[in-house]
């Protein structure tokens, strides 16, 4: 099975790298990360380490709005990985109301239409977002193959927002 994990910040944490190592034991796992992530609070650019990668392959892509999870989108690497690999599953580490979620849906339609996208939701408080984020959230909730809620509170938010 081919799996593409797309993440802006998760691999900054060692725990997520360990998760990738474990998943990579059982599937063909490739991971797309930004060339850097710029912390909004400090302005510092953080590079995600690719040292000691086992059982999976990391690809770097350039990102518009690196540092802003609501607006961040890849402008290099994503299309090529989708075309070349045709992953069965795309594990997208992002909230459903972010612009990157729309990008993943649209790019999959065009370049890897058989891919199923899985989101990971952490939002644990019901929020009503302004347009266009409210529209993005509703659109993704209707298109998602699966959303993994990280907590019971995040699950309640998804249900409240209409995700079945």
Protein backbone atom coordinates (compact mmCIF):
# COMPACT_ATOMS: atom_id res chain seq x y z
CA UNK A 1 0.00 0.00 0.00
CA UNK A 2 1.23 3.49 -0.85
CA UNK A 3 0.67 6.25 1.70
CA UNK A 4 1.61 9.90 1.37
CA UNK A 5 1.70 11.90 4.59
CA UNK A 6 1.55 15.65 4.09
CA UNK A 7 2.46 17.78 7.06
CA UNK A 8 3.51 21.36 7.67
CA UNK A 9 4.73 21.03 11.27
CA UNK A 10 4.24 17.53 12.70
CA UNK A 11 7.74 16.27 12.01
CA UNK A 12 9.15 19.06 14.15
CA UNK A 13 8.27 16.68 16.99
CA UNK A 14 10.20 13.45 17.54
CA UNK A 15 7.00 11.56 18.38
CA UNK A 16 5.68 12.04 14.84
CA UNK A 17 8.94 10.86 13.35
CA UNK A 18 8.62 7.69 15.42
CA UNK A 19 5.04 7.30 14.15
CA UNK A 20 6.30 7.50 10.56
CA UNK A 21 8.98 4.90 11.27
CA UNK A 22 6.36 2.50 12.63
CA UNK A 23 3.88 3.06 9.78
CA UNK A 24 6.71 2.70 7.27
CA UNK A 25 7.33 -0.85 8.46
CA UNK A 26 3.99 -1.92 6.97
CA UNK A 27 3.35 0.38 4.00
CA UNK A 28 5.29 2.32 1.39
CA UNK A 29 5.32 5.68 3.21
CA UNK A 30 6.48 8.95 1.73
CA UNK A 31 6.25 12.22 3.66
CA UNK A 32 6.02 15.74 2.26
CA UNK A 33 7.19 18.55 4.51
CA UNK A 34 8.07 22.21 3.91
CA UNK A 35 11.64 23.28 3.23
CA UNK A 36 11.23 25.30 6.45
CA UNK A 37 8.53 26.50 8.85
CA UNK A 38 8.58 30.05 10.15
CA UNK A 39 7.32 30.45 13.70
CA UNK A 40 4.82 33.31 13.85
CA UNK A 41 5.64 34.19 17.47
CA UNK A 42 9.41 34.39 17.06
CA UNK A 43 9.90 34.91 13.32
CA UNK A 44 12.56 32.16 13.35
CA UNK A 45 12.79 29.72 10.49
CA UNK A 46 12.84 26.13 11.67
CA UNK A 47 14.22 23.35 9.52
CA UNK A 48 12.73 19.91 9.99
CA UNK A 49 15.44 17.34 10.52
CA UNK A 50 15.72 14.51 8.04
CA UNK A 51 18.49 12.80 9.97
CA UNK A 52 18.01 9.19 11.03
CA UNK A 53 14.98 8.60 8.81
CA UNK A 54 14.12 4.89 8.73
CA UNK A 55 11.37 3.03 6.86
CA UNK A 56 10.05 6.06 4.97
CA UNK A 57 11.20 8.74 2.57
CA UNK A 58 11.00 12.49 3.14
CA UNK A 59 10.40 15.03 0.39
CA UNK A 60 10.62 18.77 0.83
CA UNK A 61 8.35 21.27 -0.86
CA UNK A 62 8.20 25.04 -0.94
CA UNK A 63 5.23 26.60 0.82
CA UNK A 64 3.39 29.87 0.43
CA UNK A 65 2.67 31.41 3.85
CA UNK A 66 5.06 29.11 5.76
CA UNK A 67 4.19 29.75 9.37
CA UNK A 68 0.46 30.30 8.95
CA UNK A 69 -1.45 27.01 9.14
CA UNK A 70 -4.67 28.66 7.93
CA UNK A 71 -3.11 29.78 4.64
CA UNK A 72 -0.13 27.46 4.03
CA UNK A 73 -0.12 25.60 0.69
CA UNK A 74 2.62 23.75 -1.17
CA UNK A 75 3.72 25.26 -4.47
CA UNK A 76 6.34 22.65 -5.28
CA UNK A 77 6.58 18.85 -4.93
CA UNK A 78 2.95 17.96 -4.14
CA UNK A 79 1.74 17.59 -7.74
CA UNK A 80 4.79 15.52 -8.68
CA UNK A 81 4.37 13.16 -5.73
CA UNK A 82 0.69 12.64 -6.47
CA UNK A 83 1.29 11.98 -10.18
CA UNK A 84 4.25 9.68 -9.64
CA UNK A 85 3.08 7.69 -6.61
CA UNK A 86 -0.73 7.59 -6.92
CA UNK A 87 -1.04 6.90 -3.18
CA UNK A 88 -4.04 4.94 -1.95
CA UNK A 89 -4.11 7.06 1.21
CA UNK A 90 -3.10 10.64 1.88
CA UNK A 91 -2.64 11.30 5.60
CA UNK A 92 -3.01 15.07 5.87
CA UNK A 93 -1.93 16.65 9.15
CA UNK A 94 -4.13 19.74 8.96
CA UNK A 95 -7.47 21.05 10.13
CA UNK A 96 -10.42 20.97 7.76
CA UNK A 97 -10.89 24.77 7.75
CA UNK A 98 -7.41 25.56 6.38
CA UNK A 99 -6.59 26.46 2.77
CA UNK A 100 -4.20 23.51 2.48
CA UNK A 101 -7.17 21.17 2.90
CA UNK A 102 -8.80 22.60 -0.19
CA UNK A 103 -5.53 22.27 -2.07
CA UNK A 104 -5.27 18.57 -1.19
CA UNK A 105 -8.84 17.86 -2.35
CA UNK A 106 -8.43 19.70 -5.64
CA UNK A 107 -4.99 18.27 -6.43
CA UNK A 108 -6.20 14.74 -5.70
CA UNK A 109 -9.13 15.19 -8.08
CA UNK A 110 -6.74 16.26 -10.82
CA UNK A 111 -3.63 14.15 -10.24
CA UNK A 112 -4.53 11.14 -8.07
CA UNK A 113 -8.30 10.61 -8.18
CA UNK A 114 -8.27 7.21 -6.44
CA UNK A 115 -6.55 8.57 -3.33
CA UNK A 116 -8.52 8.67 -0.10
CA UNK A 117 -7.71 11.60 2.17
CA UNK A 118 -7.59 11.32 5.94
CA UNK A 119 -7.52 14.45 8.09
CA UNK A 120 -6.55 14.73 11.74
CA UNK A 121 -8.72 17.09 13.77
CA UNK A 122 -7.57 18.71 17.00
CA UNK A 123 -10.02 21.60 17.27
CA UNK A 124 -11.82 21.02 20.57
CA UNK A 125 -14.02 24.15 20.78
CA UNK A 126 -16.84 24.95 18.37
CA UNK A 127 -15.89 28.08 16.43
CA UNK A 128 -17.77 29.82 13.65
CA UNK A 129 -15.18 30.99 11.17
CA UNK A 130 -15.58 33.92 8.78
CA UNK A 131 -15.67 33.37 5.03
CA UNK A 132 -13.71 31.80 3.33
CA UNK A 133 -12.71 29.53 6.25
CA UNK A 134 -16.34 28.65 7.05
CA UNK A 135 -16.85 27.63 3.43
CA UNK A 136 -13.60 25.60 3.44
CA UNK A 137 -14.67 23.80 6.58
CA UNK A 138 -18.10 22.87 5.18
CA UNK A 139 -16.63 21.80 1.85
CA UNK A 140 -13.98 19.56 3.39
CA UNK A 141 -16.45 18.02 5.83
CA UNK A 142 -18.55 16.87 2.85
CA UNK A 143 -15.55 15.56 0.86
CA UNK A 144 -13.49 13.85 3.58
CA UNK A 145 -13.03 10.10 3.30
CA UNK A 146 -12.19 10.00 7.00
CA UNK A 147 -11.34 12.38 9.81
CA UNK A 148 -9.49 11.17 12.89
CA UNK A 149 -10.42 13.17 15.95
CA UNK A 150 -7.47 13.37 18.32
CA UNK A 151 -9.66 13.80 21.42
CA UNK A 152 -13.30 13.17 22.43
CA UNK A 153 -13.79 16.96 22.47
CA UNK A 154 -12.52 17.22 18.87
CA UNK A 155 -14.95 14.44 17.90
CA UNK A 156 -17.85 16.40 19.42
CA UNK A 157 -16.84 19.50 17.45
CA UNK A 158 -16.82 17.50 14.20
CA UNK A 159 -20.25 16.04 14.92
CA UNK A 160 -21.56 19.49 15.86
CA UNK A 161 -20.27 20.80 12.52
CA UNK A 162 -22.17 18.08 10.65
CA UNK A 163 -19.51 15.45 9.99
CA UNK A 164 -21.05 11.99 10.10
